[in-house]
PDB file of N, CA and C in Angstrom:
ATOM      1  N   MET A   1      98.904  98.603  92.461  1.00  0.00           N
ATOM      2  CA  MET A   1      99.889  99.072  93.457  1.00  0.00           C
ATOM      3  C   MET A   1     101.192  99.127  92.818  1.00  0.00           C
ATOM      4  N   SER A   2     101.895 100.241  92.905  1.00  0.00           N
ATOM      5  CA  SER A   2     103.103 100.434  92.208  1.00  0.00           C
ATOM      6  C   SER A   2     104.327 100.175  93.170  1.00  0.00           C
ATOM      7  N   ASN A   3     105.368  99.652  92.564  1.00  0.00           N
ATOM      8  CA  ASN A   3     106.599  99.524  93.303  1.00  0.00           C
ATOM      9  C   ASN A   3     107.752  99.572  92.386  1.00  0.00           C
ATOM     10  N   GLY A   4     108.010 100.812  91.940  1.00  0.00           N
ATOM     11  CA  GLY A   4     109.173 101.032  91.015  1.00  0.00           C
ATOM     12  C   GLY A   4     108.804 100.707  89.599  1.00  0.00           C
ATOM     13  N   LEU A   5     109.557  99.665  89.060  1.00  0.00           N
ATOM     14  CA  LEU A   5     109.382  99.401  87.598  1.00  0.00           C
ATOM     15  C   LEU A   5     108.333  98.382  87.314  1.00  0.00           C
ATOM     16  N   TYR A   6     107.504  97.985  88.254  1.00  0.00           N
ATOM     17  CA  TYR A   6     106.446  97.048  87.989  1.00  0.00           C
ATOM     18  C   TYR A   6     105.187  97.353  88.649  1.00  0.00           C
ATOM     19  N   GLN A   7     104.080  96.855  88.093  1.00  0.00           N
ATOM     20  CA  GLN A   7     102.752  96.980  88.731  1.00  0.00           C
ATOM     21  C   GLN A   7     102.299  95.552  89.104  1.00  0.00           C
ATOM     22  N   ARG A   8     101.577  95.436  90.192  1.00  0.00           N
ATOM     23  CA  ARG A   8     101.052  94.173  90.664  1.00  0.00           C
ATOM     24  C   ARG A   8      99.579  94.231  90.751  1.00  0.00           C
ATOM     25  N   LEU A   9      98.880  93.138  90.216  1.00  0.00           N
ATOM     26  CA  LEU A   9      97.498  93.090  90.228  1.00  0.00           C
ATOM     27  C   LEU A   9      97.052  91.728  90.785  1.00  0.00           C
ATOM     28  N   GLU A  10      96.197  91.704  91.773  1.00  0.00           N
ATOM     29  CA  GLU A  10      95.620  90.430  92.289  1.00  0.00           C
ATOM     30  C   GLU A  10      94.160  90.327  92.034  1.00  0.00           C
ATOM     31  N   CYS A  11      93.648  89.153  91.866  1.00  0.00           N
ATOM     32  CA  CYS A  11      92.195  89.004  91.685  1.00  0.00           C
ATOM     33  C   CYS A  11      91.560  89.225  93.066  1.00  0.00           C
ATOM     34  N   ASP A  12      90.222  89.254  93.050  1.00  0.00           N
ATOM     35  CA  ASP A  12      89.455  89.483  94.226  1.00  0.00           C
ATOM     36  C   ASP A  12      89.774  88.524  95.420  1.00  0.00           C
ATOM     37  N   CYS A  13      90.005  87.250  95.108  1.00  0.00           N
ATOM     38  CA  CYS A  13      90.258  86.293  96.172  1.00  0.00           C
ATOM     39  C   CYS A  13      91.738  86.101  96.460  1.00  0.00           C
ATOM     40  N   GLY A  14      92.606  86.742  95.673  1.00  0.00           N
ATOM     41  CA  GLY A  14      94.056  86.623  95.945  1.00  0.00           C
ATOM     42  C   GLY A  14      94.698  85.347  95.315  1.00  0.00           C
ATOM     43  N   ALA A  15      94.028  84.528  94.619  1.00  0.00           N
ATOM     44  CA  ALA A  15      94.572  83.269  94.083  1.00  0.00           C
ATOM     45  C   ALA A  15      95.519  83.516  92.906  1.00  0.00           C
ATOM     46  N   VAL A  16      95.258  84.597  92.142  1.00  0.00           N
ATOM     47  CA  VAL A  16      96.083  84.929  90.958  1.00  0.00           C
ATOM     48  C   VAL A  16      96.720  86.281  91.119  1.00  0.00           C
ATOM     49  N   CYS A  17      97.954  86.383  90.785  1.00  0.00           N
ATOM     50  CA  CYS A  17      98.737  87.671  90.823  1.00  0.00           C
ATOM     51  C   CYS A  17      99.450  87.875  89.508  1.00  0.00           C
ATOM     52  N   LEU A  18      99.249  89.023  88.919  1.00  0.00           N
ATOM     53  CA  LEU A  18      99.926  89.412  87.699  1.00  0.00           C
ATOM     54  C   LEU A  18     100.956  90.489  87.971  1.00  0.00           C
ATOM     55  N   LEU A  19     102.074  90.443  87.221  1.00  0.00           N
ATOM     56  CA  LEU A  19     103.080  91.442  87.298  1.00  0.00           C
ATOM     57  C   LEU A  19     103.263  92.080  85.895  1.00  0.00           C
ATOM     58  N   ALA A  20     103.168  93.377  85.852  1.00  0.00           N
ATOM     59  CA  ALA A  20     103.315  94.131  84.579  1.00  0.00           C
ATOM     60  C   ALA A  20     104.616  94.959  84.737  1.00  0.00           C
ATOM     61  N   CYS A  21     105.599  94.744  83.893  1.00  0.00           N
ATOM     62  CA  CYS A  21     106.888  95.463  84.039  1.00  0.00           C
ATOM     63  C   CYS A  21     106.994  96.516  83.003  1.00  0.00           C
ATOM     64  N   GLY A  22     107.567  97.653  83.378  1.00  0.00           N
ATOM     65  CA  GLY A  22     107.735  98.813  82.416  1.00  0.00           C
ATOM     66  C   GLY A  22     106.512  99.677  82.312  1.00  0.00           C
ATOM     67  N   ALA A  23     106.370 100.266  81.171  1.00  0.00           N
ATOM     68  CA  ALA A  23     105.253 101.165  80.922  1.00  0.00           C
ATOM     69  C   ALA A  23     104.227 100.555  80.004  1.00  0.00           C
ATOM     70  N   PRO A  24     102.943 100.879  80.166  1.00  0.00           N
ATOM     71  CA  PRO A  24     101.917 100.405  79.273  1.00  0.00           C
ATOM     72  C   PRO A  24     102.029 101.071  77.921  1.00  0.00           C
ATOM     73  N   LEU A  25     101.391 100.500  76.898  1.00  0.00           N
ATOM     74  CA  LEU A  25     101.399 101.049  75.515  1.00  0.00           C
ATOM     75  C   LEU A  25     100.393 102.196  75.483  1.00  0.00           C
ATOM     76  N   GLY A  26      99.453 102.210  76.355  1.00  0.00           N
ATOM     77  CA  GLY A  26      98.438 103.252  76.385  1.00  0.00           C
ATOM     78  C   GLY A  26      97.146 102.776  77.039  1.00  0.00           C
ATOM     79  N   SER A  27      96.145 103.640  76.944  1.00  0.00           N
ATOM     80  CA  SER A  27      94.836 103.280  77.584  1.00  0.00           C
ATOM     81  C   SER A  27      93.784 103.366  76.550  1.00  0.00           C
ATOM     82  N   ALA A  28      92.652 102.788  76.788  1.00  0.00           N
ATOM     83  CA  ALA A  28      91.528 102.698  75.914  1.00  0.00           C
ATOM     84  C   ALA A  28      90.203 102.397  76.634  1.00  0.00           C
ATOM     85  N   VAL A  29      89.203 102.315  75.936  1.00  0.00           N
ATOM     86  CA  VAL A  29      87.871 101.860  76.471  1.00  0.00           C
ATOM     87  C   VAL A  29      87.556 100.570  75.639  1.00  0.00           C
ATOM     88  N   ASN A  30      87.218  99.501  76.395  1.00  0.00           N
ATOM     89  CA  ASN A  30      86.938  98.214  75.705  1.00  0.00           C
ATOM     90  C   ASN A  30      85.544  98.257  75.071  1.00  0.00           C
ATOM     91  N   PRO A  31      85.164  97.280  74.269  1.00  0.00           N
ATOM     92  CA  PRO A  31      83.860  97.176  73.641  1.00  0.00           C
ATOM     93  C   PRO A  31      82.691  97.279  74.583  1.00  0.00           C
ATOM     94  N   ALA A  32      82.890  96.924  75.856  1.00  0.00           N
ATOM     95  CA  ALA A  32      81.773  97.011  76.844  1.00  0.00           C
ATOM     96  C   ALA A  32      81.754  98.442  77.521  1.00  0.00           C
ATOM     97  N   GLY A  33      82.643  99.272  77.150  1.00  0.00           N
ATOM     98  CA  GLY A  33      82.634 100.693  77.715  1.00  0.00           C
ATOM     99  C   GLY A  33      83.501 100.810  78.950  1.00  0.00           C
ATOM    100  N   GLU A  34      84.310  99.802  79.301  1.00  0.00           N
ATOM    101  CA  GLU A  34      85.116  99.848  80.533  1.00  0.00           C
ATOM    102  C   GLU A  34      86.571 100.337  80.210  1.00  0.00           C
ATOM    103  N   PRO A  35      87.170 101.154  81.109  1.00  0.00           N
ATOM    104  CA  PRO A  35      88.503 101.601  80.808  1.00  0.00           C
ATOM    105  C   PRO A  35      89.549 100.456  81.001  1.00  0.00           C
ATOM    106  N   VAL A  36      90.464 100.386  80.138  1.00  0.00           N
ATOM    107  CA  VAL A  36      91.481  99.352  80.195  1.00  0.00           C
ATOM    108  C   VAL A  36      92.868  99.970  79.871  1.00  0.00           C
ATOM    109  N   THR A  37      93.925  99.248  80.196  1.00  0.00           N
ATOM    110  CA  THR A  37      95.279  99.577  79.890  1.00  0.00           C
ATOM    111  C   THR A  37      95.878  98.530  79.012  1.00  0.00           C
ATOM    112  N   LEU A  38      96.585  98.946  77.978  1.00  0.00           N
ATOM    113  CA  LEU A  38      97.203  97.994  76.981  1.00  0.00           C
ATOM    114  C   LEU A  38      98.674  97.902  77.255  1.00  0.00           C
ATOM    115  N   TRP A  39      99.117  96.625  77.250  1.00  0.00           N
ATOM    116  CA  TRP A  39     100.539  96.402  77.604  1.00  0.00           C
ATOM    117  C   TRP A  39     101.172  95.495  76.540  1.00  0.00           C
ATOM    118  N   PRO A  40     102.502  95.586  76.330  1.00  0.00           N
ATOM    119  CA  PRO A  40     103.156  94.700  75.418  1.00  0.00           C
ATOM    120  C   PRO A  40     103.066  93.269  76.007  1.00  0.00           C
ATOM    121  N   ARG A  41     102.889  92.287  75.182  1.00  0.00           N
ATOM    122  CA  ARG A  41     102.783  90.899  75.673  1.00  0.00           C
ATOM    123  C   ARG A  41     103.905  90.484  76.610  1.00  0.00           C
ATOM    124  N   GLU A  42     105.147  90.837  76.248  1.00  0.00           N
ATOM    125  CA  GLU A  42     106.275  90.425  77.067  1.00  0.00           C
ATOM    126  C   GLU A  42     106.453  91.175  78.420  1.00  0.00           C
ATOM    127  N   ALA A  43     105.584  92.210  78.664  1.00  0.00           N
ATOM    128  CA  ALA A  43     105.625  92.975  79.836  1.00  0.00           C
ATOM    129  C   ALA A  43     104.745  92.368  81.019  1.00  0.00           C
ATOM    130  N   VAL A  44     103.863  91.432  80.595  1.00  0.00           N
ATOM    131  CA  VAL A  44     102.917  90.928  81.684  1.00  0.00           C
ATOM    132  C   VAL A  44     103.218  89.452  81.895  1.00  0.00           C
ATOM    133  N   GLN A  45     103.343  89.129  83.193  1.00  0.00           N
ATOM    134  CA  GLN A  45     103.665  87.736  83.608  1.00  0.00           C
ATOM    135  C   GLN A  45     102.723  87.346  84.757  1.00  0.00           C
ATOM    136  N   VAL A  46     102.382  86.042  84.881  1.00  0.00           N
ATOM    137  CA  VAL A  46     101.620  85.587  85.999  1.00  0.00           C
ATOM    138  C   VAL A  46     102.649  85.350  87.131  1.00  0.00           C
ATOM    139  N   GLY A  47     102.509  86.067  88.246  1.00  0.00           N
ATOM    140  CA  GLY A  47     103.432  85.977  89.379  1.00  0.00           C
ATOM    141  C   GLY A  47     103.061  84.798  90.267  1.00  0.00           C
ATOM    142  N   GLU A  48     101.763  84.590  90.474  1.00  0.00           N
ATOM    143  CA  GLU A  48     101.289  83.398  91.301  1.00  0.00           C
ATOM    144  C   GLU A  48      99.938  83.011  90.753  1.00  0.00           C
ATOM    145  N   GLY A  49      99.653  81.703  90.878  1.00  0.00           N
ATOM    146  CA  GLY A  49      98.382  81.147  90.610  1.00  0.00           C
ATOM    147  C   GLY A  49      98.054  80.780  89.149  1.00  0.00           C
ATOM    148  N   VAL A  50      99.109  80.484  88.308  1.00  0.00           N
ATOM    149  CA  VAL A  50      98.938  80.114  86.940  1.00  0.00           C
ATOM    150  C   VAL A  50      97.991  78.968  86.779  1.00  0.00           C
ATOM    151  N   GLU A  51      98.022  78.051  87.771  1.00  0.00           N
ATOM    152  CA  GLU A  51      97.092  76.906  87.671  1.00  0.00           C
ATOM    153  C   GLU A  51      95.673  77.267  88.015  1.00  0.00           C
ATOM    154  N   GLU A  52      95.438  78.464  88.531  1.00  0.00           N
ATOM    155  CA  GLU A  52      94.065  78.993  88.836  1.00  0.00           C
ATOM    156  C   GLU A  52      93.463  79.728  87.689  1.00  0.00           C
ATOM    157  N   LEU A  53      94.218  79.910  86.547  1.00  0.00           N
ATOM    158  CA  LEU A  53      93.635  80.666  85.459  1.00  0.00           C
ATOM    159  C   LEU A  53      92.839  79.797  84.546  1.00  0.00           C
ATOM    160  N   ASP A  54      91.694  80.296  84.145  1.00  0.00           N
ATOM    161  CA  ASP A  54      90.826  79.611  83.173  1.00  0.00           C
ATOM    162  C   ASP A  54      90.801  80.482  81.907  1.00  0.00           C
ATOM    163  N   SER A  55      90.925  79.757  80.807  1.00  0.00           N
ATOM    164  CA  SER A  55      91.013  80.438  79.489  1.00  0.00           C
ATOM    165  C   SER A  55      89.793  80.182  78.664  1.00  0.00           C
ATOM    166  N   ARG A  56      89.309  81.231  77.977  1.00  0.00           N
ATOM    167  CA  ARG A  56      88.133  81.061  77.049  1.00  0.00           C
ATOM    168  C   ARG A  56      88.291  82.141  75.933  1.00  0.00           C
ATOM    169  N   ALA A  57      87.640  81.862  74.868  1.00  0.00           N
ATOM    170  CA  ALA A  57      87.589  82.910  73.767  1.00  0.00           C
ATOM    171  C   ALA A  57      86.627  83.986  74.236  1.00  0.00           C
ATOM    172  N   GLY A  58      87.092  85.229  73.980  1.00  0.00           N
ATOM    173  CA  GLY A  58      86.313  86.415  74.403  1.00  0.00           C
ATOM    174  C   GLY A  58      85.245  86.703  73.348  1.00  0.00           C
ATOM    175  N   ASP A  59      84.120  87.311  73.780  1.00  0.00           N
ATOM    176  CA  ASP A  59      83.053  87.690  72.892  1.00  0.00           C
ATOM    177  C   ASP A  59      83.495  88.689  71.770  1.00  0.00           C
ATOM    178  N   ALA A  60      84.365  89.556  72.200  1.00  0.00           N
ATOM    179  CA  ALA A  60      84.886  90.600  71.278  1.00  0.00           C
ATOM    180  C   ALA A  60      86.256  90.225  70.661  1.00  0.00           C
ATOM    181  N   GLY A  61      86.592  88.884  70.814  1.00  0.00           N
ATOM    182  CA  GLY A  61      87.900  88.461  70.299  1.00  0.00           C
ATOM    183  C   GLY A  61      88.907  88.344  71.470  1.00  0.00           C
ATOM    184  N   GLY A  62      90.046  87.795  71.163  1.00  0.00           N
ATOM    185  CA  GLY A  62      91.075  87.625  72.161  1.00  0.00           C
ATOM    186  C   GLY A  62      90.832  86.446  73.056  1.00  0.00           C
ATOM    187  N   ASP A  63      91.836  86.095  73.884  1.00  0.00           N
ATOM    188  CA  ASP A  63      91.793  84.986  74.793  1.00  0.00           C
ATOM    189  C   ASP A  63      91.627  85.547  76.220  1.00  0.00           C
ATOM    190  N   VAL A  64      90.490  85.336  76.832  1.00  0.00           N
ATOM    191  CA  VAL A  64      90.198  85.853  78.162  1.00  0.00           C
ATOM    192  C   VAL A  64      90.718  84.892  79.239  1.00  0.00           C
ATOM    193  N   GLN A  65      91.489  85.375  80.149  1.00  0.00           N
ATOM    194  CA  GLN A  65      92.030  84.633  81.325  1.00  0.00           C
ATOM    195  C   GLN A  65      91.438  85.126  82.601  1.00  0.00           C
ATOM    196  N   SER A  66      90.685  84.267  83.311  1.00  0.00           N
ATOM    197  CA  SER A  66      89.997  84.602  84.501  1.00  0.00           C
ATOM    198  C   SER A  66      90.355  83.688  85.640  1.00  0.00           C
ATOM    199  N   CYS A  67      90.161  84.081  86.906  1.00  0.00           N
ATOM    200  CA  CYS A  67      90.419  83.292  87.974  1.00  0.00           C
ATOM    201  C   CYS A  67      89.321  82.158  88.193  1.00  0.00           C
ATOM    202  N   ARG A  68      89.727  80.978  88.319  1.00  0.00           N
ATOM    203  CA  ARG A  68      88.838  79.830  88.518  1.00  0.00           C
ATOM    204  C   ARG A  68      87.980  79.972  89.838  1.00  0.00           C
ATOM    205  N   ARG A  69      88.625  80.551  90.798  1.00  0.00           N
ATOM    206  CA  ARG A  69      88.011  80.588  92.099  1.00  0.00           C
ATOM    207  C   ARG A  69      86.988  81.753  92.223  1.00  0.00           C
ATOM    208  N   CYS A  70      87.315  82.953  91.867  1.00  0.00           N
ATOM    209  CA  CYS A  70      86.410  84.107  92.022  1.00  0.00           C
ATOM    210  C   CYS A  70      85.781  84.584  90.780  1.00  0.00           C
ATOM    211  N   GLY A  71      86.339  84.096  89.628  1.00  0.00           N
ATOM    212  CA  GLY A  71      85.777  84.532  88.316  1.00  0.00           C
ATOM    213  C   GLY A  71      86.192  85.852  87.703  1.00  0.00           C
ATOM    214  N   GLU A  72      87.010  86.542  88.472  1.00  0.00           N
ATOM    215  CA  GLU A  72      87.491  87.892  87.969  1.00  0.00           C
ATOM    216  C   GLU A  72      88.296  87.694  86.711  1.00  0.00           C
ATOM    217  N   VAL A  73      88.045  88.490  85.645  1.00  0.00           N
ATOM    218  CA  VAL A  73      88.830  88.495  84.446  1.00  0.00           C
ATOM    219  C   VAL A  73      90.137  89.215  84.848  1.00  0.00           C
ATOM    220  N   MET A  74      91.252  88.539  84.548  1.00  0.00           N
ATOM    221  CA  MET A  74      92.583  89.078  84.900  1.00  0.00           C
ATOM    222  C   MET A  74      93.228  89.798  83.705  1.00  0.00           C
ATOM    223  N   LEU A  75      93.046  89.183  82.497  1.00  0.00           N
ATOM    224  CA  LEU A  75      93.672  89.737  81.258  1.00  0.00           C
ATOM    225  C   LEU A  75      93.026  89.178  80.075  1.00  0.00           C
ATOM    226  N   ILE A  76      93.242  89.947  78.997  1.00  0.00           N
ATOM    227  CA  ILE A  76      92.785  89.474  77.642  1.00  0.00           C
ATOM    228  C   ILE A  76      94.030  89.550  76.721  1.00  0.00           C
ATOM    229  N   GLU A  77      94.358  88.454  76.057  1.00  0.00           N
ATOM    230  CA  GLU A  77      95.441  88.395  75.095  1.00  0.00           C
ATOM    231  C   GLU A  77      94.836  88.618  73.768  1.00  0.00           C
ATOM    232  N   HIS A  78      95.413  89.583  72.936  1.00  0.00           N
ATOM    233  CA  HIS A  78      95.077  89.784  71.597  1.00  0.00           C
ATOM    234  C   HIS A  78      96.309  89.451  70.749  1.00  0.00           C
ATOM    235  N   ASP A  79      96.310  88.240  70.149  1.00  0.00           N
ATOM    236  CA  ASP A  79      97.448  87.860  69.326  1.00  0.00           C
ATOM    237  C   ASP A  79      97.571  88.765  68.097  1.00  0.00           C
ATOM    238  N   GLU A  80      96.434  89.170  67.483  1.00  0.00           N
ATOM    239  CA  GLU A  80      96.537  89.932  66.233  1.00  0.00           C
ATOM    240  C   GLU A  80      97.112  91.374  66.492  1.00  0.00           C
ATOM    241  N   ALA A  81      97.063  91.854  67.735  1.00  0.00           N
ATOM    242  CA  ALA A  81      97.636  93.164  68.046  1.00  0.00           C
ATOM    243  C   ALA A  81      98.882  93.042  68.909  1.00  0.00           C
ATOM    244  N   ASP A  82      99.177  91.802  69.318  1.00  0.00           N
ATOM    245  CA  ASP A  82     100.362  91.455  70.174  1.00  0.00           C
ATOM    246  C   ASP A  82     100.327  92.277  71.464  1.00  0.00           C
ATOM    247  N   VAL A  83      99.141  92.427  72.099  1.00  0.00           N
ATOM    248  CA  VAL A  83      98.995  93.144  73.293  1.00  0.00           C
ATOM    249  C   VAL A  83      98.177  92.335  74.343  1.00  0.00           C
ATOM    250  N   ILE A  84      98.420  92.721  75.563  1.00  0.00           N
ATOM    251  CA  ILE A  84      97.709  92.196  76.754  1.00  0.00           C
ATOM    252  C   ILE A  84      96.783  93.388  77.236  1.00  0.00           C
ATOM    253  N   VAL A  85      95.563  93.175  77.488  1.00  0.00           N
ATOM    254  CA  VAL A  85      94.593  94.088  78.070  1.00  0.00           C
ATOM    255  C   VAL A  85      94.385  93.785  79.499  1.00  0.00           C
ATOM    256  N   LEU A  86      94.615  94.844  80.337  1.00  0.00           N
ATOM    257  CA  LEU A  86      94.322  94.726  81.781  1.00  0.00           C
ATOM    258  C   LEU A  86      93.325  95.720  82.164  1.00  0.00           C
ATOM    259  N   TYR A  87      92.505  95.376  83.179  1.00  0.00           N
ATOM    260  CA  TYR A  87      91.423  96.248  83.681  1.00  0.00           C
ATOM    261  C   TYR A  87      91.977  97.176  84.790  1.00  0.00           C
ATOM    262  N   TRP A  88      93.158  97.753  84.670  1.00  0.00           N
ATOM    263  CA  TRP A  88      93.699  98.629  85.644  1.00  0.00           C
ATOM    264  C   TRP A  88      94.765  99.451  85.044  1.00  0.00           C
ATOM    265  N   ALA A  89      95.188 100.530  85.600  1.00  0.00           N
ATOM    266  CA  ALA A  89      96.225 101.437  85.105  1.00  0.00           C
ATOM    267  C   ALA A  89      97.194 101.615  86.232  1.00  0.00           C
ATOM    268  N   PRO A  90      98.436 102.002  85.907  1.00  0.00           N
ATOM    269  CA  PRO A  90      99.484 102.310  86.900  1.00  0.00           C
ATOM    270  C   PRO A  90      99.010 103.435  87.799  1.00  0.00           C
ATOM    271  N   ASP A  91      99.306 103.285  89.088  1.00  0.00           N
ATOM    272  CA  ASP A  91      98.975 104.358  90.035  1.00  0.00           C
ATOM    273  C   ASP A  91      99.741 105.639  89.846  1.00  0.00           C
ATOM    274  N   ASP A  92     100.985 105.467  89.560  1.00  0.00           N
ATOM    275  CA  ASP A  92     101.905 106.605  89.621  1.00  0.00           C
ATOM    276  C   ASP A  92     102.280 107.271  88.342  1.00  0.00           C
ATOM    277  N   GLU A  93     101.809 106.724  87.267  1.00  0.00           N
ATOM    278  CA  GLU A  93     102.196 107.241  85.936  1.00  0.00           C
ATOM    279  C   GLU A  93     101.046 107.719  85.084  1.00  0.00           C
ATOM    280  N   LYS A  94     101.299 108.659  84.313  1.00  0.00           N
ATOM    281  CA  LYS A  94     100.286 109.137  83.303  1.00  0.00           C
ATOM    282  C   LYS A  94     100.479 108.162  82.128  1.00  0.00           C
ATOM    283  N   VAL A  95      99.422 107.591  81.611  1.00  0.00           N
ATOM    284  CA  VAL A  95      99.463 106.645  80.519  1.00  0.00           C
ATOM    285  C   VAL A  95      99.456 107.417  79.217  1.00  0.00           C
ATOM    286  N   ALA A  96     100.453 107.138  78.332  1.00  0.00           N
ATOM    287  CA  ALA A  96     100.556 107.847  77.007  1.00  0.00           C
ATOM    288  C   ALA A  96      99.466 107.424  76.074  1.00  0.00           C
ATOM    289  N   PRO A  97      99.197 108.226  75.057  1.00  0.00           N
ATOM    290  CA  PRO A  97      98.231 107.752  74.013  1.00  0.00           C
ATOM    291  C   PRO A  97      98.789 106.585  73.277  1.00  0.00           C
ATOM    292  N   VAL A  98      97.933 105.672  72.797  1.00  0.00           N
ATOM    293  CA  VAL A  98      98.352 104.596  72.000  1.00  0.00           C
ATOM    294  C   VAL A  98      98.883 105.043  70.668  1.00  0.00           C
ATOM    295  N   ALA A  99      99.970 104.411  70.214  1.00  0.00           N
ATOM    296  CA  ALA A  99     100.589 104.790  68.936  1.00  0.00           C
ATOM    297  C   ALA A  99      99.564 104.575  67.807  1.00  0.00           C
ATOM    298  N   ALA A 100      99.661 105.456  66.815  1.00  0.00           N
ATOM    299  CA  ALA A 100      98.710 105.401  65.674  1.00  0.00           C
ATOM    300  C   ALA A 100      98.910 104.022  64.948  1.00  0.00           C
ATOM    301  N   SER A 101     100.081 103.438  64.953  1.00  0.00           N
ATOM    302  CA  SER A 101     100.308 102.225  64.139  1.00  0.00           C
ATOM    303  C   SER A 101      99.531 101.038  64.806  1.00  0.00           C
ATOM    304  N   LEU A 102      99.279 101.130  66.074  1.00  0.00           N
ATOM    305  CA  LEU A 102      98.527 100.076  66.837  1.00  0.00           C
ATOM    306  C   LEU A 102      97.090 100.355  66.927  1.00  0.00           C
ATOM    307  N   ARG A 103      96.731 101.661  66.903  1.00  0.00           N
ATOM    308  CA  ARG A 103      95.381 102.068  67.140  1.00  0.00           C
ATOM    309  C   ARG A 103      94.369 101.477  66.144  1.00  0.00           C
ATOM    310  N   GLU A 104      94.696 101.372  64.859  1.00  0.00           N
ATOM    311  CA  GLU A 104      93.817 100.846  63.904  1.00  0.00           C
ATOM    312  C   GLU A 104      93.429  99.423  64.129  1.00  0.00           C
ATOM    313  N   THR A 105      94.431  98.664  64.462  1.00  0.00           N
ATOM    314  CA  THR A 105      94.179  97.187  64.796  1.00  0.00           C
ATOM    315  C   THR A 105      93.263  97.054  66.002  1.00  0.00           C
ATOM    316  N   LEU A 106      93.525  97.868  67.014  1.00  0.00           N
ATOM    317  CA  LEU A 106      92.746  97.787  68.300  1.00  0.00           C
ATOM    318  C   LEU A 106      91.264  98.361  68.009  1.00  0.00           C
ATOM    319  N   GLU A 107      91.157  99.336  67.147  1.00  0.00           N
ATOM    320  CA  GLU A 107      89.835  99.836  66.843  1.00  0.00           C
ATOM    321  C   GLU A 107      89.006  98.799  66.134  1.00  0.00           C
ATOM    322  N   ALA A 108      89.647  98.017  65.269  1.00  0.00           N
ATOM    323  CA  ALA A 108      89.021  96.894  64.551  1.00  0.00           C
ATOM    324  C   ALA A 108      88.466  95.860  65.562  1.00  0.00           C
ATOM    325  N   LEU A 109      89.087  95.764  66.677  1.00  0.00           N
ATOM    326  CA  LEU A 109      88.710  94.768  67.752  1.00  0.00           C
ATOM    327  C   LEU A 109      87.619  95.406  68.689  1.00  0.00           C
ATOM    328  N   GLY A 110      87.315  96.700  68.452  1.00  0.00           N
ATOM    329  CA  GLY A 110      86.257  97.315  69.229  1.00  0.00           C
ATOM    330  C   GLY A 110      86.764  98.268  70.321  1.00  0.00           C
ATOM    331  N   TYR A 111      88.054  98.481  70.453  1.00  0.00           N
ATOM    332  CA  TYR A 111      88.542  99.419  71.487  1.00  0.00           C
ATOM    333  C   TYR A 111      88.381 100.806  70.940  1.00  0.00           C
ATOM    334  N   ARG A 112      88.128 101.783  71.872  1.00  0.00           N
ATOM    335  CA  ARG A 112      88.014 103.202  71.523  1.00  0.00           C
ATOM    336  C   ARG A 112      89.067 104.030  72.297  1.00  0.00           C
ATOM    337  N   PHE A 113      89.388 105.102  71.689  1.00  0.00           N
ATOM    338  CA  PHE A 113      90.434 106.009  72.251  1.00  0.00           C
ATOM    339  C   PHE A 113      89.892 107.434  72.393  1.00  0.00           C
ATOM    340  N   ALA A 114      90.457 108.137  73.291  1.00  0.00           N
ATOM    341  CA  ALA A 114      89.982 109.505  73.627  1.00  0.00           C
ATOM    342  C   ALA A 114      90.148 110.442  72.434  1.00  0.00           C
ATOM    343  N   SER A 115      91.239 110.355  71.672  1.00  0.00           N
ATOM    344  CA  SER A 115      91.473 111.295  70.619  1.00  0.00           C
ATOM    345  C   SER A 115      92.305 110.651  69.566  1.00  0.00           C
ATOM    346  N   LYS A 116      91.905 110.765  68.287  1.00  0.00           N
ATOM    347  CA  LYS A 116      92.697 110.138  67.183  1.00  0.00           C
ATOM    348  C   LYS A 116      93.868 110.914  66.827  1.00  0.00           C
ATOM    349  N   ASP A 117      93.948 112.202  67.244  1.00  0.00           N
ATOM    350  CA  ASP A 117      95.099 113.070  66.855  1.00  0.00           C
ATOM    351  C   ASP A 117      96.233 112.900  67.846  1.00  0.00           C
ATOM    352  N   ASN A 118      96.099 112.107  68.883  1.00  0.00           N
ATOM    353  CA  ASN A 118      97.201 111.895  69.792  1.00  0.00           C
ATOM    354  C   ASN A 118      97.879 110.570  69.477  1.00  0.00           C
ATOM    355  N   GLY A 119      99.198 110.511  69.737  1.00  0.00           N
ATOM    356  CA  GLY A 119      99.867 109.244  69.597  1.00  0.00           C
ATOM    357  C   GLY A 119     100.508 108.961  68.295  1.00  0.00           C
TER     358      GLY A 119
END
């Protein structure tokens, strides 16, 4: 749900709320084939329910944060790429292609992009 300069995402049970400010870095398909949006680390904050987040190492790398109550994965942090992966995209904005300088690192982590000649 969009409200100006930020996006808000809640888990299925409403215990955890994330806020993403500004524009995403781009979109991709994760190693499991699901569409995701990539954000700068500093753009994503936990708005509510930080105590409800459970952290574990992801199968494809990164630190997976999910809700303890409903189990929904809220975000994946990739330190090596300095990005946060979210399973949603802004409602009102077209997401730009991921910059070529970041694409190689993300491809090594298993993410795929629509076209290599964009960005």
